[in-house]
Amino acid sequence: MSDAASTALARDPREIDFPFEFPLSVTIQAHGEDTKVLVLREPTGEDVLKFGLLEGLDQAQFAPLVCSLASIPEGAFKKIPARDVLRLGTVLSRFFQWAALPPA
């Protein structure tokens, strides 16, 4: 494989591995069970279209997207501490920004 081809296929170290495990700072209840880690599945094209993610991730899209990717009800999401919501928001925002960039 040529150097250019191997560089194009090189993995961006900022890329998220899915399923993505996000540790919470406190335990929350989701589906009647204690949850200390959110496990997010990889977003699909359907998610991109359903949540309008072609132009980035905004506040209105965030909670429904996390609930869908982590399979948790909205009530459980609302119990996640602000610091965790902000950290997860940063992670997901960066994921969608980096994923939208053309290959280097």
N, C-alpha and C. Protein backbone atom coordinates (compact mmCIF):
# COMPACT_ATOMS: atom_id res chain seq x y z
N MET A 1 0.86 -1.17 0.00
CA MET A 1 0.00 0.00 0.00
C MET A 1 0.91 1.23 0.00
N SER A 2 0.57 2.22 -0.81
CA SER A 2 1.37 3.44 -0.88
C SER A 2 1.22 4.25 0.40
N ASP A 3 2.19 5.16 0.62
CA ASP A 3 2.13 6.01 1.81
C ASP A 3 0.87 6.85 1.82
N ALA A 4 0.47 7.37 0.65
CA ALA A 4 -0.74 8.20 0.58
C ALA A 4 -1.97 7.37 0.94
N ALA A 5 -2.04 6.14 0.46
CA ALA A 5 -3.19 5.29 0.76
C ALA A 5 -3.23 4.92 2.24
N SER A 6 -2.07 4.61 2.82
CA SER A 6 -2.06 4.24 4.23
C SER A 6 -2.38 5.44 5.09
N THR A 7 -1.96 6.65 4.68
CA THR A 7 -2.30 7.86 5.43
C THR A 7 -3.79 8.12 5.36
N ALA A 8 -4.39 7.93 4.19
CA ALA A 8 -5.83 8.15 4.02
C ALA A 8 -6.63 7.17 4.88
N LEU A 9 -6.10 5.97 5.08
CA LEU A 9 -6.81 4.96 5.86
C LEU A 9 -6.46 5.03 7.34
N ALA A 10 -5.47 5.85 7.70
CA ALA A 10 -5.08 5.96 9.10
C ALA A 10 -6.25 6.49 9.91
N ARG A 11 -6.40 5.95 11.08
CA ARG A 11 -7.53 6.31 11.93
C ARG A 11 -7.24 7.59 12.69
N ASP A 12 -8.20 8.49 12.71
CA ASP A 12 -8.08 9.72 13.47
C ASP A 12 -8.12 9.36 14.94
N PRO A 13 -7.13 9.77 15.72
CA PRO A 13 -7.11 9.38 17.15
C PRO A 13 -8.25 9.99 17.95
N ARG A 14 -8.94 10.98 17.40
CA ARG A 14 -10.08 11.59 18.10
C ARG A 14 -11.37 10.83 17.84
N GLU A 15 -11.33 9.85 16.96
CA GLU A 15 -12.54 9.09 16.61
C GLU A 15 -13.04 8.29 17.80
N ILE A 16 -14.35 8.20 17.91
CA ILE A 16 -14.98 7.46 19.00
C ILE A 16 -15.20 6.02 18.58
N ASP A 17 -14.91 5.09 19.47
CA ASP A 17 -15.23 3.69 19.25
C ASP A 17 -16.64 3.43 19.76
N PHE A 18 -17.44 2.75 18.97
CA PHE A 18 -18.80 2.39 19.38
C PHE A 18 -18.89 0.89 19.54
N PRO A 19 -19.68 0.42 20.49
CA PRO A 19 -20.48 1.21 21.40
C PRO A 19 -19.59 2.04 22.32
N PHE A 20 -20.02 3.28 22.57
CA PHE A 20 -19.27 4.23 23.38
C PHE A 20 -19.78 4.20 24.80
N GLU A 21 -18.89 3.91 25.74
CA GLU A 21 -19.28 3.85 27.16
C GLU A 21 -18.94 5.18 27.82
N PHE A 22 -19.96 5.85 28.34
CA PHE A 22 -19.79 7.14 28.99
C PHE A 22 -20.11 6.99 30.47
N PRO A 23 -19.07 7.05 31.34
CA PRO A 23 -19.33 6.91 32.78
C PRO A 23 -20.01 8.15 33.35
N LEU A 24 -21.02 7.93 34.15
CA LEU A 24 -21.73 9.03 34.82
C LEU A 24 -21.11 9.26 36.18
N SER A 25 -21.20 10.50 36.67
CA SER A 25 -20.63 10.82 37.98
C SER A 25 -21.53 10.34 39.12
N VAL A 26 -22.79 10.05 38.81
CA VAL A 26 -23.73 9.50 39.79
C VAL A 26 -24.53 8.39 39.12
N THR A 27 -25.14 7.57 39.92
CA THR A 27 -26.01 6.52 39.41
C THR A 27 -27.39 7.09 39.16
N ILE A 28 -27.98 6.77 38.01
CA ILE A 28 -29.35 7.18 37.70
C ILE A 28 -30.20 5.93 37.51
N GLN A 29 -31.50 6.11 37.54
CA GLN A 29 -32.44 5.02 37.26
C GLN A 29 -32.88 5.12 35.80
N ALA A 30 -32.75 4.02 35.08
CA ALA A 30 -33.24 3.94 33.70
C ALA A 30 -33.89 2.57 33.53
N HIS A 31 -35.14 2.56 33.16
CA HIS A 31 -35.90 1.30 32.99
C HIS A 31 -35.92 0.50 34.29
N GLY A 32 -35.97 1.20 35.43
CA GLY A 32 -36.06 0.54 36.73
C GLY A 32 -34.76 -0.05 37.22
N GLU A 33 -33.67 0.24 36.53
CA GLU A 33 -32.37 -0.31 36.94
C GLU A 33 -31.39 0.83 37.21
N ASP A 34 -30.46 0.59 38.14
CA ASP A 34 -29.40 1.55 38.38
C ASP A 34 -28.46 1.57 37.18
N THR A 35 -28.13 2.77 36.73
CA THR A 35 -27.25 2.95 35.58
C THR A 35 -26.13 3.90 35.96
N LYS A 36 -24.90 3.44 35.85
CA LYS A 36 -23.73 4.25 36.15
C LYS A 36 -22.94 4.59 34.89
N VAL A 37 -23.23 3.86 33.80
CA VAL A 37 -22.54 4.07 32.53
C VAL A 37 -23.59 4.07 31.42
N LEU A 38 -23.55 5.12 30.58
CA LEU A 38 -24.40 5.13 29.38
C LEU A 38 -23.62 4.44 28.27
N VAL A 39 -24.27 3.52 27.60
CA VAL A 39 -23.65 2.84 26.47
C VAL A 39 -24.39 3.32 25.21
N LEU A 40 -23.68 4.10 24.41
CA LEU A 40 -24.28 4.69 23.21
C LEU A 40 -23.91 3.86 22.00
N ARG A 41 -24.92 3.52 21.22
CA ARG A 41 -24.67 2.81 19.96
C ARG A 41 -24.19 3.82 18.92
N GLU A 42 -23.63 3.33 17.84
CA GLU A 42 -23.14 4.21 16.79
C GLU A 42 -24.32 4.85 16.05
N PRO A 43 -24.27 6.17 15.85
CA PRO A 43 -25.35 6.82 15.10
C PRO A 43 -25.40 6.30 13.66
N THR A 44 -26.60 6.23 13.14
CA THR A 44 -26.81 5.76 11.76
C THR A 44 -27.23 6.93 10.87
N GLY A 45 -27.31 6.66 9.58
CA GLY A 45 -27.83 7.66 8.66
C GLY A 45 -29.25 8.06 9.02
N GLU A 46 -30.03 7.09 9.49
CA GLU A 46 -31.39 7.39 9.93
C GLU A 46 -31.38 8.40 11.08
N ASP A 47 -30.44 8.24 12.02
CA ASP A 47 -30.32 9.20 13.13
C ASP A 47 -29.97 10.59 12.61
N VAL A 48 -29.03 10.64 11.66
CA VAL A 48 -28.62 11.93 11.10
C VAL A 48 -29.82 12.66 10.52
N LEU A 49 -30.65 11.94 9.77
CA LEU A 49 -31.82 12.56 9.15
C LEU A 49 -32.92 12.84 10.18
N LYS A 50 -33.18 11.89 11.06
CA LYS A 50 -34.25 12.04 12.06
C LYS A 50 -34.01 13.22 12.98
N PHE A 51 -32.75 13.41 13.39
CA PHE A 51 -32.43 14.47 14.34
C PHE A 51 -31.86 15.72 13.67
N GLY A 52 -31.82 15.74 12.34
CA GLY A 52 -31.37 16.92 11.62
C GLY A 52 -29.92 17.28 11.91
N LEU A 53 -29.03 16.29 11.81
CA LEU A 53 -27.64 16.49 12.22
C LEU A 53 -26.69 16.87 11.10
N LEU A 54 -27.21 17.13 9.92
CA LEU A 54 -26.32 17.47 8.80
C LEU A 54 -25.58 18.78 9.03
N GLU A 55 -26.11 19.64 9.84
CA GLU A 55 -25.46 20.92 10.10
C GLU A 55 -24.96 21.03 11.54
N GLY A 56 -24.75 19.92 12.20
CA GLY A 56 -24.24 19.93 13.56
C GLY A 56 -25.28 19.51 14.57
N LEU A 57 -24.90 19.59 15.81
CA LEU A 57 -25.73 19.16 16.93
C LEU A 57 -26.06 20.37 17.79
N ASP A 58 -27.36 20.65 17.95
CA ASP A 58 -27.73 21.78 18.80
C ASP A 58 -28.49 21.30 20.03
N GLN A 59 -28.81 22.22 20.88
CA GLN A 59 -29.45 21.91 22.17
C GLN A 59 -30.75 21.13 22.01
N ALA A 60 -31.58 21.51 21.07
CA ALA A 60 -32.88 20.86 20.89
C ALA A 60 -32.73 19.40 20.43
N GLN A 61 -31.65 19.10 19.74
CA GLN A 61 -31.43 17.75 19.22
C GLN A 61 -30.76 16.84 20.25
N PHE A 62 -30.05 17.44 21.19
CA PHE A 62 -29.15 16.68 22.05
C PHE A 62 -29.84 15.63 22.92
N ALA A 63 -30.80 16.03 23.74
CA ALA A 63 -31.45 15.07 24.65
C ALA A 63 -32.14 13.93 23.89
N PRO A 64 -32.94 14.23 22.86
CA PRO A 64 -33.56 13.11 22.13
C PRO A 64 -32.54 12.17 21.49
N LEU A 65 -31.43 12.74 21.00
CA LEU A 65 -30.40 11.91 20.39
C LEU A 65 -29.76 10.99 21.43
N VAL A 66 -29.39 11.54 22.58
CA VAL A 66 -28.77 10.72 23.63
C VAL A 66 -29.73 9.64 24.09
N CYS A 67 -30.99 10.00 24.28
CA CYS A 67 -31.99 9.00 24.71
C CYS A 67 -32.08 7.86 23.70
N SER A 68 -32.03 8.20 22.42
CA SER A 68 -32.11 7.19 21.37
C SER A 68 -30.84 6.33 21.33
N LEU A 69 -29.67 6.98 21.33
CA LEU A 69 -28.42 6.24 21.23
C LEU A 69 -28.14 5.38 22.46
N ALA A 70 -28.56 5.85 23.63
CA ALA A 70 -28.31 5.11 24.87
C ALA A 70 -29.51 4.26 25.30
N SER A 71 -30.61 4.35 24.58
CA SER A 71 -31.83 3.61 24.90
C SER A 71 -32.29 3.87 26.34
N ILE A 72 -32.36 5.15 26.67
CA ILE A 72 -32.87 5.54 27.99
C ILE A 72 -34.06 6.47 27.80
N PRO A 73 -34.99 6.47 28.75
CA PRO A 73 -36.14 7.38 28.66
C PRO A 73 -35.71 8.82 28.98
N GLU A 74 -36.50 9.77 28.50
CA GLU A 74 -36.20 11.18 28.72
C GLU A 74 -36.12 11.50 30.22
N GLY A 75 -36.97 10.86 31.02
CA GLY A 75 -36.95 11.09 32.46
C GLY A 75 -35.61 10.74 33.08
N ALA A 76 -34.97 9.69 32.59
CA ALA A 76 -33.65 9.31 33.09
C ALA A 76 -32.61 10.33 32.65
N PHE A 77 -32.72 10.79 31.41
CA PHE A 77 -31.78 11.79 30.92
C PHE A 77 -31.82 13.05 31.79
N LYS A 78 -33.01 13.45 32.19
CA LYS A 78 -33.16 14.67 32.98
C LYS A 78 -32.51 14.56 34.36
N LYS A 79 -32.19 13.35 34.80
CA LYS A 79 -31.55 13.16 36.10
C LYS A 79 -30.03 13.12 36.01
N ILE A 80 -29.50 13.18 34.81
CA ILE A 80 -28.04 13.17 34.64
C ILE A 80 -27.50 14.53 35.08
N PRO A 81 -26.47 14.54 35.93
CA PRO A 81 -25.91 15.81 36.39
C PRO A 81 -25.43 16.69 35.23
N ALA A 82 -25.52 18.00 35.44
CA ALA A 82 -25.15 18.96 34.40
C ALA A 82 -23.73 18.74 33.89
N ARG A 83 -22.79 18.46 34.78
CA ARG A 83 -21.40 18.28 34.34
C ARG A 83 -21.28 17.11 33.37
N ASP A 84 -22.06 16.06 33.60
CA ASP A 84 -22.04 14.91 32.69
C ASP A 84 -22.69 15.26 31.35
N VAL A 85 -23.80 16.00 31.41
CA VAL A 85 -24.48 16.42 30.18
C VAL A 85 -23.54 17.27 29.34
N LEU A 86 -22.86 18.20 29.97
CA LEU A 86 -21.94 19.08 29.25
C LEU A 86 -20.77 18.30 28.65
N ARG A 87 -20.20 17.38 29.42
CA ARG A 87 -19.10 16.56 28.90
C ARG A 87 -19.56 15.70 27.73
N LEU A 88 -20.70 15.06 27.88
CA LEU A 88 -21.21 14.22 26.79
C LEU A 88 -21.56 15.07 25.57
N GLY A 89 -22.10 16.25 25.80
CA GLY A 89 -22.40 17.15 24.69
C GLY A 89 -21.15 17.52 23.91
N THR A 90 -20.06 17.75 24.63
CA THR A 90 -18.79 18.07 23.98
C THR A 90 -18.30 16.90 23.15
N VAL A 91 -18.37 15.71 23.72
CA VAL A 91 -17.92 14.50 23.01
C VAL A 91 -18.74 14.29 21.73
N LEU A 92 -20.06 14.35 21.84
CA LEU A 92 -20.90 14.11 20.66
C LEU A 92 -20.79 15.22 19.63
N SER A 93 -20.70 16.46 20.08
CA SER A 93 -20.54 17.57 19.14
C SER A 93 -19.26 17.40 18.34
N ARG A 94 -18.18 17.07 19.03
CA ARG A 94 -16.90 16.85 18.33
C ARG A 94 -16.99 15.68 17.37
N PHE A 95 -17.68 14.62 17.78
CA PHE A 95 -17.83 13.47 16.89
C PHE A 95 -18.49 13.89 15.58
N PHE A 96 -19.59 14.61 15.66
CA PHE A 96 -20.30 14.99 14.44
C PHE A 96 -19.51 16.01 13.62
N GLN A 97 -18.76 16.90 14.27
CA GLN A 97 -17.93 17.84 13.53
C GLN A 97 -16.81 17.11 12.80
N TRP A 98 -16.11 16.21 13.49
CA TRP A 98 -15.00 15.47 12.87
C TRP A 98 -15.49 14.51 11.80
N ALA A 99 -16.64 13.89 12.05
CA ALA A 99 -17.16 12.93 11.07
C ALA A 99 -17.53 13.63 9.77
N ALA A 100 -17.89 14.91 9.85
CA ALA A 100 -18.30 15.66 8.66
C ALA A 100 -17.13 16.18 7.85
N LEU A 101 -15.92 16.12 8.40
CA LEU A 101 -14.76 16.63 7.68
C LEU A 101 -14.37 15.66 6.56
N PRO A 102 -13.94 16.21 5.42
CA PRO A 102 -13.45 15.32 4.37
C PRO A 102 -12.13 14.67 4.80
N PRO A 103 -11.80 13.52 4.24
CA PRO A 103 -10.53 12.87 4.61
C PRO A 103 -9.37 13.80 4.32
N ALA A 104 -8.35 13.73 5.16
CA ALA A 104 -7.17 14.58 5.00
C ALA A 104 -6.33 14.10 3.82
